[in-house]
N, C-alpha and C. Protein backbone atom coordinates (compact mmCIF):
# COMPACT_ATOMS: atom_id res chain seq x y z
N MET A 1 80.16 113.69 125.01
CA MET A 1 81.19 113.79 124.01
C MET A 1 81.36 115.26 123.63
N HIS A 2 82.58 115.75 123.63
CA HIS A 2 82.87 117.12 123.26
C HIS A 2 83.62 117.14 121.94
N MET A 3 83.18 118.00 121.04
CA MET A 3 83.85 118.14 119.76
C MET A 3 84.33 119.57 119.61
N ASP A 4 85.54 119.74 119.09
CA ASP A 4 86.05 121.06 118.76
C ASP A 4 85.39 121.49 117.45
N LEU A 5 84.59 122.52 117.52
CA LEU A 5 83.84 122.98 116.35
C LEU A 5 84.47 124.18 115.67
N SER A 6 85.68 124.54 116.05
CA SER A 6 86.30 125.74 115.48
C SER A 6 86.51 125.60 113.97
N LYS A 7 86.88 124.42 113.50
CA LYS A 7 87.07 124.23 112.05
C LYS A 7 85.73 124.30 111.32
N LEU A 8 84.71 123.74 111.93
CA LEU A 8 83.39 123.81 111.33
C LEU A 8 82.91 125.26 111.28
N ASP A 9 83.17 126.02 112.34
CA ASP A 9 82.80 127.44 112.36
C ASP A 9 83.51 128.19 111.24
N ARG A 10 84.79 127.85 111.01
CA ARG A 10 85.54 128.48 109.93
C ARG A 10 84.94 128.12 108.57
N LEU A 11 84.53 126.88 108.41
CA LEU A 11 83.91 126.44 107.17
C LEU A 11 82.59 127.16 106.95
N ILE A 12 81.79 127.29 108.00
CA ILE A 12 80.51 128.00 107.89
C ILE A 12 80.73 129.45 107.46
N ALA A 13 81.72 130.10 108.07
CA ALA A 13 81.96 131.51 107.78
C ALA A 13 82.52 131.73 106.38
N ASN A 14 83.37 130.83 105.92
CA ASN A 14 84.09 131.07 104.67
C ASN A 14 83.60 130.25 103.48
N ALA A 15 82.88 129.20 103.72
CA ALA A 15 82.44 128.34 102.61
C ALA A 15 81.12 127.67 102.96
N PRO A 16 80.04 128.43 102.99
CA PRO A 16 78.75 127.83 103.37
C PRO A 16 78.32 126.68 102.46
N ASP A 17 78.73 126.70 101.21
CA ASP A 17 78.41 125.57 100.33
C ASP A 17 79.11 124.29 100.79
N GLY A 18 80.27 124.45 101.43
CA GLY A 18 80.98 123.30 101.98
C GLY A 18 80.20 122.65 103.12
N VAL A 19 79.57 123.47 103.93
CA VAL A 19 78.76 122.95 105.03
C VAL A 19 77.56 122.20 104.48
N ASP A 20 76.93 122.77 103.46
CA ASP A 20 75.80 122.10 102.83
C ASP A 20 76.24 120.76 102.25
N GLU A 21 77.44 120.73 101.68
CA GLU A 21 77.98 119.48 101.14
C GLU A 21 78.19 118.44 102.25
N VAL A 22 78.71 118.89 103.39
CA VAL A 22 78.93 117.98 104.53
C VAL A 22 77.61 117.35 104.96
N THR A 23 76.56 118.14 105.09
CA THR A 23 75.28 117.58 105.53
C THR A 23 74.73 116.60 104.48
N ASN A 24 74.97 116.90 103.23
CA ASN A 24 74.50 116.00 102.17
C ASN A 24 75.26 114.68 102.22
N ILE A 25 76.57 114.75 102.37
CA ILE A 25 77.39 113.53 102.45
C ILE A 25 76.95 112.68 103.64
N LEU A 26 76.78 113.32 104.79
CA LEU A 26 76.38 112.57 105.99
C LEU A 26 74.99 111.95 105.82
N ALA A 27 74.06 112.69 105.25
CA ALA A 27 72.70 112.17 105.08
C ALA A 27 72.70 110.94 104.18
N TYR A 28 73.43 111.01 103.07
CA TYR A 28 73.43 109.86 102.16
C TYR A 28 74.26 108.69 102.70
N ARG A 29 75.25 108.98 103.53
CA ARG A 29 75.98 107.91 104.22
C ARG A 29 75.04 107.18 105.17
N ILE A 30 74.26 107.93 105.93
CA ILE A 30 73.29 107.33 106.85
C ILE A 30 72.25 106.54 106.08
N LEU A 31 71.72 107.11 105.02
CA LEU A 31 70.72 106.42 104.21
C LEU A 31 71.25 105.07 103.71
N GLY A 32 72.45 105.06 103.16
CA GLY A 32 73.02 103.81 102.65
C GLY A 32 73.22 102.77 103.72
N LEU A 33 73.71 103.20 104.88
CA LEU A 33 73.94 102.25 105.98
C LEU A 33 72.62 101.70 106.52
N VAL A 34 71.61 102.56 106.62
CA VAL A 34 70.30 102.09 107.09
C VAL A 34 69.76 101.04 106.13
N GLN A 35 69.78 101.35 104.85
CA GLN A 35 69.25 100.40 103.86
C GLN A 35 70.02 99.08 103.88
N ALA A 36 71.33 99.16 104.08
CA ALA A 36 72.15 97.94 104.11
C ALA A 36 71.97 97.14 105.40
N SER A 37 71.46 97.79 106.45
CA SER A 37 71.36 97.11 107.74
C SER A 37 70.20 96.13 107.84
N PHE A 38 69.19 96.30 107.01
CA PHE A 38 68.04 95.41 107.09
C PHE A 38 68.46 93.99 106.76
N GLY A 39 68.02 93.07 107.62
CA GLY A 39 68.43 91.67 107.48
C GLY A 39 67.32 90.79 106.94
N VAL A 40 67.46 89.53 107.27
CA VAL A 40 66.50 88.52 106.83
C VAL A 40 65.33 88.49 107.79
N SER A 41 64.15 88.31 107.26
CA SER A 41 62.94 88.25 108.08
C SER A 41 62.62 86.80 108.41
N PRO A 42 62.19 86.51 109.62
CA PRO A 42 61.99 87.43 110.74
C PRO A 42 63.31 87.72 111.45
N ALA A 43 63.48 88.95 111.85
CA ALA A 43 64.68 89.38 112.57
C ALA A 43 64.39 89.37 114.06
N PRO A 44 65.38 89.00 114.87
CA PRO A 44 65.16 89.02 116.32
C PRO A 44 65.04 90.46 116.82
N PRO A 45 64.19 90.70 117.82
CA PRO A 45 64.08 92.05 118.39
C PRO A 45 65.43 92.55 118.88
N GLY A 46 65.62 93.84 118.79
CA GLY A 46 66.85 94.46 119.27
C GLY A 46 67.80 94.85 118.15
N GLY A 47 67.66 94.21 117.00
CA GLY A 47 68.48 94.55 115.85
C GLY A 47 67.62 95.16 114.77
N PRO A 48 68.22 95.47 113.64
CA PRO A 48 67.42 96.06 112.57
C PRO A 48 66.37 95.08 112.05
N PRO A 49 65.29 95.62 111.49
CA PRO A 49 64.23 94.74 111.00
C PRO A 49 64.68 93.92 109.80
N GLY A 50 64.03 92.79 109.63
CA GLY A 50 64.28 91.98 108.45
C GLY A 50 63.45 92.45 107.28
N VAL A 51 63.86 92.05 106.11
CA VAL A 51 63.13 92.43 104.90
C VAL A 51 62.08 91.37 104.61
N ASP A 52 60.84 91.81 104.56
CA ASP A 52 59.73 90.94 104.18
C ASP A 52 59.28 91.33 102.78
N THR A 53 58.65 92.48 102.66
CA THR A 53 58.22 92.96 101.33
C THR A 53 59.23 93.91 100.72
N GLY A 54 60.12 94.48 101.54
CA GLY A 54 61.08 95.46 101.06
C GLY A 54 60.55 96.88 101.05
N ALA A 55 59.31 97.07 101.50
CA ALA A 55 58.69 98.40 101.45
C ALA A 55 59.42 99.41 102.33
N LEU A 56 59.81 99.01 103.53
CA LEU A 56 60.50 99.94 104.42
C LEU A 56 61.83 100.37 103.81
N ARG A 57 62.62 99.41 103.40
CA ARG A 57 63.93 99.73 102.81
C ARG A 57 63.76 100.62 101.58
N ALA A 58 62.82 100.29 100.72
CA ALA A 58 62.60 101.07 99.49
C ALA A 58 62.07 102.47 99.78
N SER A 59 61.42 102.65 100.93
CA SER A 59 60.83 103.95 101.24
C SER A 59 61.82 104.92 101.87
N MET A 60 63.00 104.45 102.27
CA MET A 60 63.99 105.31 102.91
C MET A 60 64.43 106.38 101.92
N HIS A 61 64.55 107.62 102.41
CA HIS A 61 64.91 108.72 101.52
C HIS A 61 65.54 109.87 102.30
N VAL A 62 66.20 110.76 101.56
CA VAL A 62 66.76 111.99 102.11
C VAL A 62 65.97 113.15 101.52
N THR A 63 65.58 114.08 102.39
CA THR A 63 64.89 115.29 101.96
C THR A 63 65.72 116.49 102.36
N LYS A 64 65.94 117.40 101.42
CA LYS A 64 66.63 118.65 101.74
C LYS A 64 65.59 119.63 102.29
N GLN A 65 65.80 120.05 103.53
CA GLN A 65 64.87 120.96 104.18
C GLN A 65 65.34 122.41 104.14
N GLY A 66 66.51 122.64 103.62
CA GLY A 66 67.09 123.97 103.56
C GLY A 66 68.59 123.88 103.61
N TRP A 67 69.24 125.03 103.75
CA TRP A 67 70.70 125.05 103.81
C TRP A 67 71.20 124.21 104.98
N ALA A 68 72.07 123.27 104.68
CA ALA A 68 72.70 122.42 105.70
C ALA A 68 71.69 121.68 106.57
N HIS A 69 70.54 121.37 106.02
CA HIS A 69 69.50 120.66 106.78
C HIS A 69 68.94 119.54 105.92
N ARG A 70 69.25 118.31 106.30
CA ARG A 70 68.74 117.14 105.61
C ARG A 70 67.97 116.27 106.60
N VAL A 71 66.96 115.60 106.12
CA VAL A 71 66.19 114.66 106.92
C VAL A 71 66.27 113.30 106.25
N VAL A 72 66.68 112.30 107.02
CA VAL A 72 66.67 110.92 106.55
C VAL A 72 65.45 110.28 107.19
N ALA A 73 64.56 109.75 106.37
CA ALA A 73 63.29 109.24 106.91
C ALA A 73 62.80 108.06 106.10
N ASP A 74 61.84 107.37 106.68
CA ASP A 74 61.15 106.31 105.95
C ASP A 74 59.81 106.86 105.48
N GLY A 75 59.19 106.15 104.57
CA GLY A 75 57.92 106.59 104.04
C GLY A 75 56.79 105.61 104.28
N VAL A 76 56.94 104.82 105.33
CA VAL A 76 55.88 103.86 105.67
C VAL A 76 55.30 104.22 107.04
N ASP A 77 54.10 103.76 107.29
CA ASP A 77 53.43 104.13 108.54
C ASP A 77 53.90 103.32 109.75
N TYR A 78 54.71 102.29 109.55
CA TYR A 78 55.12 101.45 110.67
C TYR A 78 56.59 101.62 111.06
N GLY A 79 57.32 102.48 110.39
CA GLY A 79 58.74 102.68 110.71
C GLY A 79 58.98 103.12 112.14
N PHE A 80 58.17 104.07 112.60
CA PHE A 80 58.31 104.57 113.98
C PHE A 80 58.13 103.45 114.99
N SER A 81 57.11 102.61 114.78
CA SER A 81 56.85 101.54 115.75
C SER A 81 57.96 100.51 115.76
N LEU A 82 58.62 100.29 114.63
CA LEU A 82 59.76 99.38 114.62
C LEU A 82 60.94 99.99 115.37
N GLU A 83 61.21 101.26 115.11
CA GLU A 83 62.36 101.94 115.73
C GLU A 83 62.21 102.05 117.24
N PHE A 84 61.02 102.39 117.72
CA PHE A 84 60.83 102.67 119.14
C PHE A 84 59.98 101.65 119.87
N GLY A 85 59.34 100.76 119.14
CA GLY A 85 58.52 99.74 119.77
C GLY A 85 57.13 100.24 120.11
N ILE A 86 56.23 99.33 120.19
CA ILE A 86 54.87 99.62 120.63
C ILE A 86 54.49 98.52 121.62
N GLU A 87 53.41 98.73 122.30
CA GLU A 87 52.95 97.79 123.32
C GLU A 87 52.87 96.38 122.77
N ARG A 88 53.41 95.42 123.51
CA ARG A 88 53.40 93.99 123.20
C ARG A 88 54.18 93.60 121.95
N ARG A 89 55.05 94.47 121.50
CA ARG A 89 55.90 94.12 120.35
C ARG A 89 57.33 94.44 120.71
N GLY A 90 58.23 93.84 119.99
CA GLY A 90 59.64 94.12 120.19
C GLY A 90 60.05 95.43 119.54
N VAL A 91 61.33 95.72 119.67
CA VAL A 91 61.91 96.91 119.07
C VAL A 91 62.93 96.45 118.04
N TRP A 92 62.85 97.03 116.85
CA TRP A 92 63.80 96.74 115.77
C TRP A 92 64.38 98.05 115.27
N PRO A 93 65.29 98.65 116.07
CA PRO A 93 65.83 99.96 115.69
C PRO A 93 66.69 99.87 114.42
N PHE A 94 66.51 100.83 113.55
CA PHE A 94 67.29 100.85 112.32
C PHE A 94 67.91 102.22 112.04
N MET A 95 67.45 103.27 112.69
CA MET A 95 68.01 104.60 112.49
C MET A 95 69.06 104.94 113.55
N ASN A 96 68.69 104.86 114.82
CA ASN A 96 69.60 105.27 115.88
C ASN A 96 70.93 104.51 115.87
N PRO A 97 70.94 103.19 115.66
CA PRO A 97 72.23 102.50 115.61
C PRO A 97 73.14 103.03 114.50
N VAL A 98 72.55 103.41 113.38
CA VAL A 98 73.36 103.95 112.28
C VAL A 98 73.88 105.34 112.63
N PHE A 99 73.05 106.18 113.28
CA PHE A 99 73.54 107.49 113.72
C PHE A 99 74.76 107.31 114.63
N GLU A 100 74.69 106.38 115.55
CA GLU A 100 75.82 106.13 116.44
C GLU A 100 77.04 105.63 115.66
N GLN A 101 76.82 104.83 114.66
CA GLN A 101 77.91 104.31 113.83
C GLN A 101 78.59 105.42 113.04
N VAL A 102 77.83 106.41 112.60
CA VAL A 102 78.37 107.47 111.75
C VAL A 102 79.06 108.58 112.56
N LYS A 103 78.72 108.74 113.82
CA LYS A 103 79.29 109.82 114.64
C LYS A 103 80.82 109.93 114.51
N PRO A 104 81.57 108.84 114.61
CA PRO A 104 83.03 108.97 114.50
C PRO A 104 83.51 109.46 113.13
N GLU A 105 82.68 109.36 112.10
CA GLU A 105 83.07 109.77 110.76
C GLU A 105 82.88 111.27 110.52
N VAL A 106 82.14 111.94 111.39
CA VAL A 106 81.79 113.33 111.16
C VAL A 106 83.04 114.21 111.06
N GLY A 107 83.97 114.04 111.97
CA GLY A 107 85.19 114.84 111.95
C GLY A 107 85.97 114.68 110.66
N ARG A 108 86.11 113.45 110.19
CA ARG A 108 86.84 113.19 108.94
C ARG A 108 86.14 113.84 107.75
N ILE A 109 84.82 113.74 107.71
CA ILE A 109 84.06 114.32 106.60
C ILE A 109 84.19 115.85 106.61
N ILE A 110 84.18 116.46 107.79
CA ILE A 110 84.37 117.90 107.89
C ILE A 110 85.77 118.28 107.43
N GLU A 111 86.78 117.51 107.87
CA GLU A 111 88.17 117.79 107.45
C GLU A 111 88.31 117.72 105.93
N GLU A 112 87.69 116.73 105.31
CA GLU A 112 87.76 116.63 103.85
C GLU A 112 87.09 117.82 103.18
N ALA A 113 85.98 118.28 103.72
CA ALA A 113 85.30 119.45 103.16
C ALA A 113 86.15 120.70 103.32
N ILE A 114 86.82 120.83 104.44
CA ILE A 114 87.70 121.98 104.66
C ILE A 114 88.82 121.99 103.62
N ARG A 115 89.41 120.82 103.36
CA ARG A 115 90.47 120.75 102.35
C ARG A 115 89.96 121.13 100.97
N ARG A 116 88.74 120.75 100.65
CA ARG A 116 88.18 121.07 99.34
C ARG A 116 87.74 122.52 99.20
N TRP A 117 87.20 123.08 100.29
CA TRP A 117 86.55 124.38 100.19
C TRP A 117 87.39 125.55 100.70
N LEU A 118 88.37 125.29 101.53
CA LEU A 118 89.17 126.41 102.09
C LEU A 118 90.60 126.37 101.60
């Protein structure tokens, strides 16, 4: 997939706070979709995990790592094994499907930031 980044480059050069806003909007959009994706337990392998205790869903968070750098992560020790699977267990991805879902929204979110900041 190829994206024209010239507008984003213009935003970076002229309104760095706008870029930081874009990353924040995207991070919280991803966080909300991930939390909403968890279904009923037990969930079939291949889809998002079901909610049993709610610990995984409640542990999801966004961390600001610096300018225009956000990390969306879980705070439990088993999130990685659900996302990528471990030996003799299924896979219950919950992050990557949401990243794929949000990709088409990136251009629109950048356009909105350009209108606000430039």
